[in-house]
N, C-alpha and C. Protein backbone atom coordinates (compact mmCIF):
# COMPACT_ATOMS: atom_id res chain seq x y z
N UNK A 1 44.29 -42.88 15.71
CA UNK A 1 43.28 -42.98 14.64
C UNK A 1 43.20 -44.57 14.56
N UNK A 2 41.88 -44.95 14.46
CA UNK A 2 41.49 -46.53 14.21
C UNK A 2 41.99 -46.94 12.79
N UNK A 3 42.51 -48.06 12.82
CA UNK A 3 42.87 -48.66 11.61
C UNK A 3 41.75 -49.02 10.73
N UNK A 4 41.75 -48.63 9.41
CA UNK A 4 40.58 -49.20 8.49
C UNK A 4 40.67 -50.56 8.21
N UNK A 5 39.58 -51.48 8.30
CA UNK A 5 39.54 -52.84 8.03
C UNK A 5 40.07 -52.99 6.57
N UNK A 6 40.72 -54.01 6.20
CA UNK A 6 41.00 -54.35 4.86
C UNK A 6 39.92 -54.64 3.92
N UNK A 7 39.75 -54.13 2.93
CA UNK A 7 38.79 -54.45 1.90
C UNK A 7 39.02 -55.92 1.52
N UNK A 8 37.98 -56.71 1.29
CA UNK A 8 38.15 -58.09 0.78
C UNK A 8 37.49 -58.16 -0.49
N UNK A 9 38.06 -58.92 -1.41
CA UNK A 9 37.38 -59.19 -2.70
C UNK A 9 36.26 -60.08 -2.35
N UNK A 10 35.15 -59.83 -2.95
CA UNK A 10 33.94 -60.72 -2.66
C UNK A 10 34.13 -62.14 -3.05
N UNK A 11 34.83 -62.36 -4.03
CA UNK A 11 35.25 -63.71 -4.54
C UNK A 11 36.42 -63.62 -5.49
N UNK A 12 37.17 -64.59 -5.83
CA UNK A 12 38.27 -64.58 -6.73
C UNK A 12 37.81 -63.86 -8.02
N UNK A 13 38.64 -62.99 -8.56
CA UNK A 13 38.42 -62.25 -9.97
C UNK A 13 38.50 -63.31 -11.02
N UNK A 14 37.87 -63.05 -12.09
CA UNK A 14 37.96 -63.82 -13.21
C UNK A 14 39.23 -63.53 -13.99
N UNK A 15 39.71 -64.37 -14.81
CA UNK A 15 40.87 -64.02 -15.55
C UNK A 15 40.78 -62.62 -16.19
N UNK A 16 39.72 -62.33 -16.88
CA UNK A 16 39.85 -61.08 -17.44
C UNK A 16 39.75 -59.84 -16.56
N UNK A 17 38.91 -60.03 -15.47
CA UNK A 17 38.84 -59.07 -14.47
C UNK A 17 40.31 -58.75 -13.85
N UNK A 18 41.01 -59.82 -13.63
CA UNK A 18 42.38 -59.78 -13.11
C UNK A 18 43.39 -59.09 -14.00
N UNK A 19 43.19 -59.39 -15.27
CA UNK A 19 44.01 -58.81 -16.30
C UNK A 19 43.85 -57.39 -16.31
N UNK A 20 42.60 -56.87 -16.32
CA UNK A 20 42.31 -55.30 -16.22
C UNK A 20 42.79 -54.69 -14.95
N UNK A 21 42.60 -55.49 -13.82
CA UNK A 21 42.98 -54.93 -12.40
C UNK A 21 44.63 -54.81 -12.53
N UNK A 22 45.37 -55.60 -13.19
CA UNK A 22 46.69 -55.37 -13.05
C UNK A 22 47.03 -54.20 -13.82
N UNK A 23 46.39 -53.71 -14.86
CA UNK A 23 46.60 -52.51 -15.48
C UNK A 23 46.18 -51.32 -14.55
N UNK A 24 45.08 -51.32 -13.97
CA UNK A 24 44.56 -50.30 -12.90
C UNK A 24 45.67 -50.29 -11.81
N UNK A 25 46.10 -51.47 -11.27
CA UNK A 25 47.16 -51.35 -10.12
C UNK A 25 48.48 -50.75 -10.58
N UNK A 26 48.72 -50.95 -11.83
CA UNK A 26 49.97 -50.36 -12.45
C UNK A 26 50.00 -48.88 -12.60
N UNK A 27 48.80 -48.48 -13.27
CA UNK A 27 48.65 -47.11 -13.64
C UNK A 27 48.04 -46.16 -12.68
N UNK A 28 47.30 -46.68 -11.75
CA UNK A 28 46.64 -45.90 -10.71
C UNK A 28 45.20 -45.55 -10.95
N UNK A 29 45.18 -44.57 -11.95
CA UNK A 29 43.73 -44.13 -12.48
C UNK A 29 43.74 -44.14 -13.93
N UNK A 30 42.67 -44.90 -14.39
CA UNK A 30 42.59 -45.16 -15.81
C UNK A 30 41.25 -44.93 -16.31
N UNK A 31 41.24 -44.47 -17.63
CA UNK A 31 40.03 -44.53 -18.40
C UNK A 31 39.96 -45.96 -19.22
N UNK A 32 38.88 -46.11 -19.85
CA UNK A 32 38.53 -47.31 -20.68
C UNK A 32 39.75 -47.17 -21.80
N UNK A 33 40.00 -46.09 -22.34
CA UNK A 33 40.90 -46.02 -23.40
C UNK A 33 42.27 -46.27 -22.96
N UNK A 34 42.56 -45.87 -21.67
CA UNK A 34 43.96 -46.19 -21.14
C UNK A 34 44.10 -47.60 -20.94
N UNK A 35 43.13 -48.41 -20.56
CA UNK A 35 43.08 -49.82 -20.29
C UNK A 35 43.47 -50.57 -21.77
N UNK A 36 42.74 -49.92 -22.72
CA UNK A 36 42.78 -50.56 -24.17
C UNK A 36 44.27 -50.49 -24.65
N UNK A 37 44.76 -49.17 -24.36
CA UNK A 37 46.10 -48.96 -24.74
C UNK A 37 47.16 -49.74 -24.16
N UNK A 38 46.83 -50.08 -22.82
CA UNK A 38 47.93 -50.83 -22.17
C UNK A 38 47.88 -52.29 -22.39
N UNK A 39 46.74 -52.94 -23.13
CA UNK A 39 46.67 -54.22 -23.38
C UNK A 39 47.62 -54.53 -24.54
N UNK A 40 48.29 -55.84 -24.59
CA UNK A 40 49.09 -56.10 -25.71
C UNK A 40 48.24 -56.16 -27.00
N UNK A 41 48.98 -55.81 -28.17
CA UNK A 41 48.25 -55.68 -29.39
C UNK A 41 47.57 -56.94 -29.80
N UNK A 42 48.05 -58.05 -29.42
CA UNK A 42 47.32 -59.26 -29.77
C UNK A 42 46.00 -59.47 -29.10
N UNK A 43 45.91 -58.76 -27.96
CA UNK A 43 44.59 -58.86 -27.04
C UNK A 43 43.60 -57.94 -27.65
N UNK A 44 42.60 -58.56 -28.28
CA UNK A 44 41.61 -57.72 -28.93
C UNK A 44 40.38 -57.73 -28.10
N UNK A 45 40.21 -56.72 -27.32
CA UNK A 45 38.88 -56.43 -26.54
C UNK A 45 38.35 -55.18 -27.15
N UNK A 46 36.98 -55.31 -27.22
CA UNK A 46 36.37 -54.08 -27.67
C UNK A 46 36.19 -53.06 -26.47
N UNK A 47 36.04 -51.79 -26.96
CA UNK A 47 35.75 -50.79 -25.96
C UNK A 47 34.58 -51.05 -25.05
N UNK A 48 33.54 -51.48 -25.62
CA UNK A 48 32.33 -51.78 -24.68
C UNK A 48 32.71 -52.89 -23.84
N UNK A 49 33.36 -53.90 -24.25
CA UNK A 49 33.88 -54.98 -23.34
C UNK A 49 34.69 -54.51 -22.24
N UNK A 50 35.57 -53.71 -22.30
CA UNK A 50 36.48 -53.14 -21.22
C UNK A 50 35.57 -52.30 -20.37
N UNK A 51 34.72 -51.58 -20.97
CA UNK A 51 33.86 -50.70 -20.20
C UNK A 51 33.02 -51.53 -19.25
N UNK A 52 32.49 -52.56 -19.76
CA UNK A 52 31.59 -53.53 -19.03
C UNK A 52 32.27 -54.13 -17.97
N UNK A 53 33.47 -54.65 -18.22
CA UNK A 53 34.33 -55.34 -17.00
C UNK A 53 34.58 -54.29 -16.00
N UNK A 54 35.01 -53.08 -16.38
CA UNK A 54 35.43 -52.19 -15.35
C UNK A 54 34.04 -51.69 -14.53
N UNK A 55 32.94 -51.64 -15.09
CA UNK A 55 31.81 -51.39 -14.31
C UNK A 55 31.35 -52.69 -13.39
N UNK A 56 31.66 -53.71 -13.91
CA UNK A 56 31.39 -54.92 -13.05
C UNK A 56 32.39 -54.89 -11.74
N UNK A 57 33.59 -54.50 -12.12
CA UNK A 57 34.61 -54.43 -10.97
C UNK A 57 34.19 -53.37 -10.04
N UNK A 58 33.53 -52.36 -10.44
CA UNK A 58 33.06 -51.33 -9.65
C UNK A 58 31.95 -51.71 -8.78
N UNK A 59 31.04 -52.56 -9.37
CA UNK A 59 29.95 -53.15 -8.65
C UNK A 59 30.37 -54.15 -7.64
N UNK A 60 31.44 -54.76 -7.91
CA UNK A 60 32.09 -55.63 -6.80
C UNK A 60 32.75 -54.91 -5.76
N UNK A 61 32.81 -53.72 -5.96
CA UNK A 61 33.52 -53.02 -4.87
C UNK A 61 35.11 -52.88 -4.96
N UNK A 62 35.64 -53.39 -6.05
CA UNK A 62 37.11 -53.34 -6.17
C UNK A 62 37.63 -52.17 -6.94
N UNK A 63 36.82 -51.41 -7.53
CA UNK A 63 37.10 -50.22 -8.17
C UNK A 63 36.16 -49.27 -7.79
N UNK A 64 36.57 -47.96 -7.96
CA UNK A 64 35.66 -46.74 -7.84
C UNK A 64 35.83 -45.94 -9.05
N UNK A 65 34.76 -45.15 -9.45
CA UNK A 65 34.95 -44.31 -10.64
C UNK A 65 34.63 -42.88 -10.21
N UNK A 66 35.10 -41.90 -11.09
CA UNK A 66 34.73 -40.58 -10.92
C UNK A 66 34.47 -40.07 -12.42
N UNK A 67 33.48 -39.23 -12.57
CA UNK A 67 33.27 -38.66 -13.91
C UNK A 67 34.15 -37.75 -14.40
N UNK A 68 34.59 -37.98 -15.52
CA UNK A 68 35.43 -36.85 -16.15
C UNK A 68 35.05 -36.62 -17.68
N UNK A 69 34.40 -35.54 -17.93
CA UNK A 69 34.05 -35.24 -19.22
C UNK A 69 32.89 -36.21 -19.50
N UNK A 70 32.87 -36.83 -20.74
CA UNK A 70 31.85 -37.77 -21.15
C UNK A 70 32.21 -39.26 -20.61
N UNK A 71 33.19 -39.39 -20.05
CA UNK A 71 33.68 -40.93 -19.51
C UNK A 71 33.86 -40.75 -18.06
N UNK A 72 34.50 -41.88 -17.65
CA UNK A 72 34.90 -42.20 -16.21
C UNK A 72 36.35 -42.41 -16.15
N UNK A 73 36.92 -42.16 -14.98
CA UNK A 73 38.33 -42.65 -14.46
C UNK A 73 38.03 -43.59 -13.31
N UNK A 74 38.74 -44.71 -13.41
CA UNK A 74 38.67 -45.74 -12.55
C UNK A 74 39.94 -45.87 -11.63
N UNK A 75 39.86 -46.16 -10.41
CA UNK A 75 40.95 -46.49 -9.53
C UNK A 75 40.58 -47.54 -8.50
N UNK A 76 41.67 -48.18 -8.19
CA UNK A 76 41.45 -49.47 -7.25
C UNK A 76 40.98 -49.04 -5.82
N UNK A 77 40.21 -49.82 -5.25
CA UNK A 77 39.94 -49.71 -3.92
C UNK A 77 40.40 -50.82 -3.18
N UNK A 78 40.87 -51.88 -3.95
CA UNK A 78 41.37 -53.13 -3.34
C UNK A 78 42.80 -53.08 -3.68
N UNK A 79 43.75 -52.91 -2.83
CA UNK A 79 45.17 -52.97 -3.04
C UNK A 79 45.60 -54.41 -3.50
N UNK A 80 46.60 -54.28 -4.47
CA UNK A 80 47.14 -55.49 -5.20
C UNK A 80 47.59 -56.53 -4.05
N UNK A 81 48.31 -55.98 -3.08
CA UNK A 81 48.95 -56.84 -2.06
C UNK A 81 47.76 -57.44 -1.29
N UNK A 82 46.60 -56.89 -1.01
CA UNK A 82 45.54 -57.45 -0.28
C UNK A 82 45.01 -58.61 -1.09
N UNK A 83 44.71 -58.32 -2.38
CA UNK A 83 44.25 -59.44 -3.27
C UNK A 83 45.07 -60.50 -3.41
N UNK A 84 46.47 -60.32 -3.43
CA UNK A 84 47.43 -61.52 -3.61
C UNK A 84 47.33 -62.34 -2.35
N UNK A 85 47.22 -61.71 -1.07
CA UNK A 85 47.26 -62.30 0.22
C UNK A 85 46.02 -63.26 0.19
N UNK A 86 44.90 -62.64 -0.16
CA UNK A 86 43.56 -63.36 -0.08
C UNK A 86 43.49 -64.43 -1.06
N UNK A 87 44.02 -64.30 -2.17
CA UNK A 87 44.14 -65.51 -3.26
C UNK A 87 45.01 -66.59 -2.68
N UNK A 88 46.08 -66.22 -2.03
CA UNK A 88 47.10 -67.29 -1.44
C UNK A 88 46.21 -68.01 -0.33
N UNK A 89 45.58 -67.28 0.52
CA UNK A 89 44.84 -67.91 1.66
C UNK A 89 43.79 -68.85 0.97
N UNK A 90 43.12 -68.40 -0.03
CA UNK A 90 42.05 -69.13 -0.67
C UNK A 90 42.66 -70.47 -1.21
N UNK A 91 43.81 -70.35 -1.95
CA UNK A 91 44.47 -71.39 -2.53
C UNK A 91 44.88 -72.46 -1.60
N UNK A 92 45.58 -71.99 -0.45
CA UNK A 92 46.04 -72.76 0.67
C UNK A 92 44.78 -73.50 1.20
N UNK A 93 43.68 -72.80 1.35
CA UNK A 93 42.55 -73.47 2.27
C UNK A 93 41.79 -74.49 1.25
N UNK A 94 41.68 -74.09 -0.04
CA UNK A 94 40.85 -75.03 -0.84
C UNK A 94 41.68 -76.18 -1.62
N UNK A 95 43.15 -75.93 -1.87
CA UNK A 95 43.83 -76.78 -2.72
C UNK A 95 44.76 -77.49 -1.72
N UNK A 96 45.19 -76.89 -0.71
CA UNK A 96 46.33 -77.42 0.13
C UNK A 96 45.77 -77.79 1.52
N UNK A 97 44.44 -77.92 1.75
CA UNK A 97 43.83 -78.33 2.90
C UNK A 97 44.28 -77.48 4.10
N UNK A 98 44.56 -76.12 3.96
CA UNK A 98 44.75 -75.28 4.92
C UNK A 98 46.30 -75.45 5.52
N UNK A 99 47.15 -76.07 4.70
CA UNK A 99 48.42 -76.35 5.30
C UNK A 99 49.38 -75.45 4.52
N UNK A 100 49.98 -74.40 5.16
CA UNK A 100 50.89 -73.57 4.45
C UNK A 100 52.18 -74.32 3.99
N UNK A 101 52.70 -75.30 4.71
CA UNK A 101 53.89 -76.01 4.29
C UNK A 101 53.79 -76.75 3.14
N UNK A 102 52.49 -77.39 2.85
CA UNK A 102 52.25 -77.99 1.69
C UNK A 102 52.29 -77.11 0.38
N UNK A 103 51.77 -75.95 0.51
CA UNK A 103 51.81 -74.90 -0.43
C UNK A 103 53.17 -74.62 -0.85
N UNK A 104 54.15 -74.25 0.21
CA UNK A 104 55.44 -73.93 0.02
C UNK A 104 56.25 -75.11 -0.58
N UNK A 105 55.97 -76.25 -0.23
CA UNK A 105 56.65 -77.45 -0.65
C UNK A 105 56.50 -77.72 -2.15
N UNK A 106 55.07 -77.43 -2.55
CA UNK A 106 54.73 -77.65 -3.94
C UNK A 106 55.35 -76.48 -4.77
N UNK A 107 55.41 -75.36 -4.29
CA UNK A 107 56.09 -74.20 -4.92
C UNK A 107 57.44 -74.44 -5.14
N UNK A 108 58.16 -75.02 -4.32
CA UNK A 108 59.55 -75.25 -4.31
C UNK A 108 59.83 -76.42 -5.30
N UNK A 109 59.11 -77.40 -5.22
CA UNK A 109 59.05 -78.65 -6.14
C UNK A 109 58.66 -78.20 -7.51
N UNK A 110 57.79 -77.36 -7.84
CA UNK A 110 57.13 -77.34 -9.19
C UNK A 110 57.60 -76.05 -9.85
N UNK A 111 58.36 -75.15 -9.17
CA UNK A 111 58.73 -73.82 -9.96
C UNK A 111 60.22 -73.81 -10.02
N UNK A 112 60.88 -73.60 -11.11
CA UNK A 112 62.37 -73.47 -11.12
C UNK A 112 62.71 -72.10 -10.47
N UNK A 113 63.53 -72.21 -9.40
CA UNK A 113 63.96 -71.08 -8.66
C UNK A 113 65.52 -70.75 -8.88
N UNK A 114 65.82 -69.62 -9.23
CA UNK A 114 67.23 -69.06 -9.26
C UNK A 114 67.71 -69.10 -7.89
N UNK A 115 69.08 -69.32 -7.84
CA UNK A 115 69.86 -69.30 -6.43
C UNK A 115 69.42 -67.91 -5.57
N UNK A 116 69.30 -66.91 -6.34
CA UNK A 116 68.92 -65.56 -5.57
C UNK A 116 67.57 -65.60 -5.18
N UNK A 117 66.67 -66.23 -5.77
CA UNK A 117 65.16 -66.40 -5.40
C UNK A 117 65.29 -67.36 -4.08
N UNK A 118 66.08 -68.39 -4.19
CA UNK A 118 66.14 -69.32 -3.04
C UNK A 118 66.57 -68.50 -1.78
N UNK A 119 67.63 -67.82 -1.89
CA UNK A 119 68.20 -66.92 -0.77
C UNK A 119 67.26 -66.01 -0.30
N UNK A 120 66.37 -65.37 -1.22
CA UNK A 120 65.41 -64.40 -0.87
C UNK A 120 64.23 -65.10 0.15
N UNK A 121 63.90 -66.34 -0.43
CA UNK A 121 62.95 -67.27 0.20
C UNK A 121 63.50 -67.56 1.76
N UNK A 122 64.79 -67.85 1.81
CA UNK A 122 65.36 -68.31 3.06
C UNK A 122 65.33 -67.04 4.07
N UNK A 123 65.61 -65.88 3.60
CA UNK A 123 65.56 -64.71 4.36
C UNK A 123 64.18 -64.37 4.79
N UNK A 124 63.10 -64.65 3.90
CA UNK A 124 61.76 -64.32 4.27
C UNK A 124 61.35 -65.35 5.52
N UNK A 125 61.76 -66.58 5.21
CA UNK A 125 61.29 -67.59 6.22
C UNK A 125 62.24 -67.26 7.70
N UNK A 126 63.46 -67.00 7.56
CA UNK A 126 64.06 -66.62 8.67
C UNK A 126 63.60 -65.47 9.50
N UNK A 127 63.07 -64.50 8.79
CA UNK A 127 62.45 -63.30 9.38
C UNK A 127 61.09 -63.66 10.05
N UNK A 128 60.38 -64.68 9.48
CA UNK A 128 59.10 -65.18 9.97
C UNK A 128 59.21 -66.06 11.23
N UNK A 129 60.52 -66.69 11.44
CA UNK A 129 60.69 -67.67 12.48
C UNK A 129 60.25 -66.98 13.90
N UNK A 130 59.41 -67.63 14.61
CA UNK A 130 59.01 -67.19 15.92
C UNK A 130 57.78 -66.12 15.86
N UNK A 131 57.49 -65.69 14.65
CA UNK A 131 56.32 -64.79 14.55
C UNK A 131 55.07 -65.55 14.14
N UNK A 132 53.96 -65.17 14.70
CA UNK A 132 52.69 -65.90 14.24
C UNK A 132 52.25 -65.41 12.80
């Protein structure tokens, strides 16, 4: 069976779009009410605002919806891991001039890492050695 090509995000998601996508990725299939319920209490978004952002995400092709009763249920067509990888490639290309080692160096310098995180990074790099 032929492998499906990975869906690509048309462009980086806005902060609000990404906030709602995190909820969709976590819950799988959501209604507007589900998204509102999952937002922190201090995050005051109107029902219509959430509905509009979900429809925009659907137009961008990162969500798909199906009708249920008077509303819709939304689910992701773009896997979280795919978006993360695309975002890192974009960051590396635009900020770090396409140099992965510069991105990793800044991460190690700028972010406090616990010893277990350092060890996990070492294992990942060791596993990557010799692989393209």
